[in-house]
């Protein structure tokens, strides 16, 4: 079992090796810094590689508290690393135009997921301009256990540095790497809904992360069946795209 120092070193080494082994090594690591603990941790780990790291803040009808944390984290990174480049790209106008153009197809959940997809398109455009790759910020619980992400949105990335860490491990490693305390203690949220009432991560999932992690590990846990139901509902996000095979 690795301690937090070893975990950080392992992830940083893994990112560097991945980039160096690319047919054409990337010249930048691009991360969407939402103000949450996952993206804050990933952006620091990327910065620790010494490679050019682009930290993006992409407000899109965002709650002020989340956007403020995103900006605070960018400022914190710039003070600690010389290889950090930070940008704020407001997508409100893009989203409103998208929403108006598709007014005949108005759908609340569809628009929520479209916000994540607009951010994804933006990050890939920035990555293309900088000959970089998009670094994912999903953890093991959200991305690979229950599929708590937008298909074609925040789940669409090039590499996943913390995809083998539980949320509890993310909090622990973030604390070890001295991520801003207010980010670590903030209520986890995807930040995609107009109102956070009933739309925090816990409210949407129906379990806290510690409860969910226990349920995943222990088939006898009281919440294990609930975990399986959530996973089954979102399994289409986590599996490869079905392909119709033309057998001989």
Protein backbone atom coordinates (compact mmCIF):
# COMPACT_ATOMS: atom_id res chain seq x y z
CA UNK A 1 0.00 0.00 0.00
CA UNK A 2 1.52 3.32 -1.09
CA UNK A 3 1.50 6.34 1.16
CA UNK A 4 0.47 9.75 -0.18
CA UNK A 5 4.01 10.79 -1.09
CA UNK A 6 4.48 7.59 -3.07
CA UNK A 7 1.09 7.99 -4.76
CA UNK A 8 1.93 11.51 -5.89
CA UNK A 9 5.35 10.47 -7.17
CA UNK A 10 3.85 7.47 -8.97
CA UNK A 11 1.19 9.55 -10.74
CA UNK A 12 3.64 12.28 -11.74
CA UNK A 13 6.04 9.67 -13.14
CA UNK A 14 3.17 7.94 -14.98
CA UNK A 15 2.09 11.18 -16.68
CA UNK A 16 5.65 11.99 -17.75
CA UNK A 17 6.22 8.48 -19.10
CA UNK A 18 2.92 8.52 -20.99
CA UNK A 19 3.80 11.81 -22.69
CA UNK A 20 7.36 10.76 -23.52
CA UNK A 21 6.13 7.49 -25.03
CA UNK A 22 3.61 9.17 -27.34
CA UNK A 23 4.53 8.91 -31.05
CA UNK A 24 4.69 12.70 -30.96
CA UNK A 25 5.06 13.78 -27.32
CA UNK A 26 2.50 16.35 -26.21
CA UNK A 27 3.76 19.84 -25.52
CA UNK A 28 1.13 20.66 -22.90
CA UNK A 29 -1.23 19.15 -20.35
CA UNK A 30 -4.69 20.75 -20.38
CA UNK A 31 -6.95 20.55 -17.33
CA UNK A 32 -10.40 21.97 -16.63
CA UNK A 33 -10.15 23.43 -13.12
CA UNK A 34 -13.72 23.56 -11.86
CA UNK A 35 -12.90 24.58 -8.30
CA UNK A 36 -13.51 21.03 -7.08
CA UNK A 37 -11.03 18.82 -5.29
CA UNK A 38 -10.52 16.33 -8.15
CA UNK A 39 -9.52 18.89 -10.78
CA UNK A 40 -7.48 20.86 -8.26
CA UNK A 41 -5.50 17.75 -7.37
CA UNK A 42 -5.00 16.73 -11.00
CA UNK A 43 -3.82 20.20 -12.06
CA UNK A 44 -1.21 20.24 -9.29
CA UNK A 45 0.01 16.75 -10.18
CA UNK A 46 0.32 17.87 -13.80
CA UNK A 47 2.27 20.95 -12.73
CA UNK A 48 4.59 18.74 -10.68
CA UNK A 49 5.70 16.98 -13.88
CA UNK A 50 7.50 20.14 -15.00
CA UNK A 51 5.62 19.96 -18.31
CA UNK A 52 3.65 22.95 -19.55
CA UNK A 53 0.32 22.78 -17.74
CA UNK A 54 -2.69 24.80 -18.87
CA UNK A 55 -5.28 25.27 -16.14
CA UNK A 56 -8.62 26.37 -17.55
CA UNK A 57 -11.51 27.96 -15.71
CA UNK A 58 -14.64 27.60 -17.85
CA UNK A 59 -17.56 29.41 -16.21
CA UNK A 60 -20.89 28.45 -17.75
CA UNK A 61 -23.84 29.73 -15.75
CA UNK A 62 -21.64 28.73 -12.81
CA UNK A 63 -22.41 29.31 -9.16
CA UNK A 64 -20.19 32.19 -7.93
CA UNK A 65 -18.72 30.12 -5.10
CA UNK A 66 -17.52 27.40 -7.49
CA UNK A 67 -16.05 29.90 -9.96
CA UNK A 68 -14.32 31.80 -7.15
CA UNK A 69 -12.66 28.58 -5.95
CA UNK A 70 -11.53 27.87 -9.50
CA UNK A 71 -9.89 31.30 -9.75
CA UNK A 72 -8.32 30.98 -6.30
CA UNK A 73 -6.83 27.64 -7.29
CA UNK A 74 -5.41 29.09 -10.51
CA UNK A 75 -3.76 31.91 -8.55
CA UNK A 76 -2.41 29.39 -6.04
CA UNK A 77 -0.90 27.30 -8.84
CA UNK A 78 0.74 30.32 -10.50
CA UNK A 79 2.47 31.24 -7.24
CA UNK A 80 3.94 27.75 -6.89
CA UNK A 81 4.84 26.74 -10.45
CA UNK A 82 6.54 28.51 -13.37
CA UNK A 83 5.23 25.99 -15.90
CA UNK A 84 1.57 26.93 -15.26
CA UNK A 85 -0.52 28.88 -17.77
CA UNK A 86 -4.01 29.90 -16.66
CA UNK A 87 -7.00 31.04 -18.71
CA UNK A 88 -10.60 31.99 -17.95
CA UNK A 89 -12.94 31.31 -20.88
CA UNK A 90 -16.55 32.28 -20.27
CA UNK A 91 -18.96 30.02 -22.14
CA UNK A 92 -22.23 31.70 -21.16
CA UNK A 93 -22.76 33.28 -24.60
CA UNK A 94 -21.87 30.05 -26.40
CA UNK A 95 -24.33 28.13 -24.24
CA UNK A 96 -27.14 30.64 -24.71
CA UNK A 97 -26.65 30.53 -28.49
CA UNK A 98 -26.62 26.73 -28.41
CA UNK A 99 -29.78 26.65 -26.29
CA UNK A 100 -31.59 29.13 -28.56
CA UNK A 101 -30.57 27.33 -31.75
CA UNK A 102 -31.91 24.05 -30.34
CA UNK A 103 -35.04 25.53 -28.76
CA UNK A 104 -37.21 22.96 -30.56
CA UNK A 105 -35.33 20.25 -28.71
CA UNK A 106 -35.44 21.76 -25.22
CA UNK A 107 -34.68 19.09 -22.60
CA UNK A 108 -33.51 19.87 -19.09
CA UNK A 109 -31.13 16.96 -18.54
CA UNK A 110 -29.93 17.17 -22.13
CA UNK A 111 -28.93 20.80 -21.61
CA UNK A 112 -27.18 19.95 -18.35
CA UNK A 113 -25.06 17.36 -20.15
CA UNK A 114 -24.51 19.77 -23.05
CA UNK A 115 -22.78 22.15 -20.65
CA UNK A 116 -20.19 19.45 -19.92
CA UNK A 117 -19.86 18.76 -23.64
CA UNK A 118 -19.31 22.42 -24.49
CA UNK A 119 -16.54 22.51 -21.91
CA UNK A 120 -15.04 19.36 -23.42
CA UNK A 121 -15.01 20.91 -26.91
CA UNK A 122 -13.36 24.02 -25.48
CA UNK A 123 -10.62 22.09 -23.68
CA UNK A 124 -9.83 20.09 -26.81
CA UNK A 125 -9.61 23.28 -28.86
CA UNK A 126 -7.12 24.74 -26.38
CA UNK A 127 -5.20 21.44 -26.40
CA UNK A 128 -5.09 21.45 -30.22
CA UNK A 129 -3.69 24.98 -30.30
CA UNK A 130 -0.98 24.00 -27.81
CA UNK A 131 -0.26 20.54 -29.26
CA UNK A 132 -1.35 19.14 -25.92
CA UNK A 133 -3.55 16.45 -24.43
CA UNK A 134 -6.66 16.70 -22.26
CA UNK A 135 -6.10 15.35 -18.75
CA UNK A 136 -9.11 13.80 -17.04
CA UNK A 137 -10.12 14.66 -13.50
CA UNK A 138 -12.44 11.73 -12.73
CA UNK A 139 -11.78 9.38 -9.83
CA UNK A 140 -12.36 5.62 -9.54
CA UNK A 141 -15.75 5.92 -7.87
CA UNK A 142 -17.35 8.40 -10.25
CA UNK A 143 -15.79 7.40 -13.58
CA UNK A 144 -15.31 3.66 -13.25
CA UNK A 145 -17.72 2.39 -10.56
CA UNK A 146 -20.99 4.29 -11.05
CA UNK A 147 -20.52 6.33 -14.25
CA UNK A 148 -21.28 9.66 -12.61
CA UNK A 149 -20.20 11.86 -15.51
CA UNK A 150 -21.59 13.27 -18.75
CA UNK A 151 -21.15 10.98 -21.72
CA UNK A 152 -19.11 12.86 -24.30
CA UNK A 153 -18.41 15.55 -21.71
CA UNK A 154 -16.13 15.33 -18.68
CA UNK A 155 -15.71 11.61 -19.42
CA UNK A 156 -14.10 12.41 -22.78
CA UNK A 157 -10.38 12.77 -22.03
CA UNK A 158 -6.98 11.52 -23.18
CA UNK A 159 -5.55 10.25 -19.89
CA UNK A 160 -6.92 9.60 -16.39
CA UNK A 161 -4.27 10.15 -13.68
CA UNK A 162 -6.54 9.68 -10.64
CA UNK A 163 -8.85 7.08 -12.16
CA UNK A 164 -7.61 4.46 -9.71
CA UNK A 165 -8.12 6.60 -6.59
CA UNK A 166 -11.32 6.58 -4.56
CA UNK A 167 -12.85 9.90 -3.54
CA UNK A 168 -11.56 9.36 -0.01
CA UNK A 169 -8.06 8.85 -1.39
CA UNK A 170 -8.43 12.00 -3.49
CA UNK A 171 -9.30 14.05 -0.41
CA UNK A 172 -6.37 12.55 1.48
CA UNK A 173 -3.85 13.16 -1.32
CA UNK A 174 -5.18 16.68 -1.88
CA UNK A 175 -4.66 17.46 1.78
CA UNK A 176 -1.15 15.98 1.62
CA UNK A 177 -0.31 18.20 -1.37
CA UNK A 178 -1.72 21.22 0.45
CA UNK A 179 -4.57 21.97 -1.95
CA UNK A 180 -6.57 24.93 -0.59
CA UNK A 181 -8.51 23.83 2.47
CA UNK A 182 -11.72 25.49 1.31
CA UNK A 183 -11.62 23.39 -1.87
CA UNK A 184 -11.10 20.16 0.06
CA UNK A 185 -13.98 20.97 2.41
CA UNK A 186 -16.39 22.22 -0.26
CA UNK A 187 -19.55 20.19 -0.91
CA UNK A 188 -18.86 18.01 -3.98
CA UNK A 189 -20.96 19.07 -6.97
CA UNK A 190 -20.81 18.74 -10.74
CA UNK A 191 -21.75 22.43 -11.07
CA UNK A 192 -23.97 21.80 -14.10
CA UNK A 193 -27.39 22.61 -12.69
CA UNK A 194 -28.88 26.11 -12.46
CA UNK A 195 -29.71 25.45 -8.81
CA UNK A 196 -27.63 23.26 -6.53
CA UNK A 197 -30.70 22.49 -4.39
CA UNK A 198 -31.05 18.73 -4.71
CA UNK A 199 -28.14 18.57 -7.15
CA UNK A 200 -25.05 18.12 -5.02
CA UNK A 201 -23.17 14.88 -5.71
CA UNK A 202 -24.64 13.27 -2.59
CA UNK A 203 -28.17 14.34 -3.49
CA UNK A 204 -27.86 13.00 -7.05
CA UNK A 205 -26.16 9.74 -6.11
CA UNK A 206 -28.20 9.13 -2.97
CA UNK A 207 -25.18 8.10 -0.91
CA UNK A 208 -22.15 9.85 0.55
CA UNK A 209 -18.81 8.89 -0.97
CA UNK A 210 -17.70 6.92 2.14
CA UNK A 211 -21.03 5.04 2.08
CA UNK A 212 -20.63 4.36 -1.63
CA UNK A 213 -17.05 3.14 -1.26
CA UNK A 214 -18.11 0.73 1.50
CA UNK A 215 -20.96 -0.54 -0.67
CA UNK A 216 -18.62 -1.12 -3.62
CA UNK A 217 -16.14 -3.14 -1.57
CA UNK A 218 -18.58 -5.18 0.52
CA UNK A 219 -21.38 -7.25 -1.12
CA UNK A 220 -22.93 -7.62 2.33
CA UNK A 221 -23.18 -3.87 2.87
CA UNK A 222 -26.72 -2.50 3.21
CA UNK A 223 -26.13 -0.15 0.24
CA UNK A 224 -24.50 -2.69 -2.09
CA UNK A 225 -27.69 -3.31 -4.07
CA UNK A 226 -28.24 0.42 -4.49
CA UNK A 227 -24.69 0.74 -5.82
CA UNK A 228 -25.34 -2.06 -8.32
CA UNK A 229 -28.52 -0.34 -9.50
CA UNK A 230 -26.68 2.96 -10.08
CA UNK A 231 -23.87 1.15 -11.88
CA UNK A 232 -26.28 -0.79 -14.11
CA UNK A 233 -28.10 2.43 -15.06
CA UNK A 234 -24.86 4.10 -16.15
CA UNK A 235 -22.95 1.10 -17.49
CA UNK A 236 -23.39 2.29 -21.08
CA UNK A 237 -21.03 5.20 -20.27
CA UNK A 238 -18.25 2.96 -19.00
CA UNK A 239 -18.29 0.22 -21.63
CA UNK A 240 -16.77 0.40 -25.14
CA UNK A 241 -19.09 1.57 -27.92
CA UNK A 242 -21.10 -1.43 -29.16
CA UNK A 243 -19.98 -2.44 -32.63
CA UNK A 244 -22.00 -4.58 -35.02
CA UNK A 245 -19.50 -7.28 -36.07
CA UNK A 246 -19.68 -8.64 -39.60
CA UNK A 247 -18.60 -12.22 -38.92
CA UNK A 248 -17.66 -14.56 -41.77
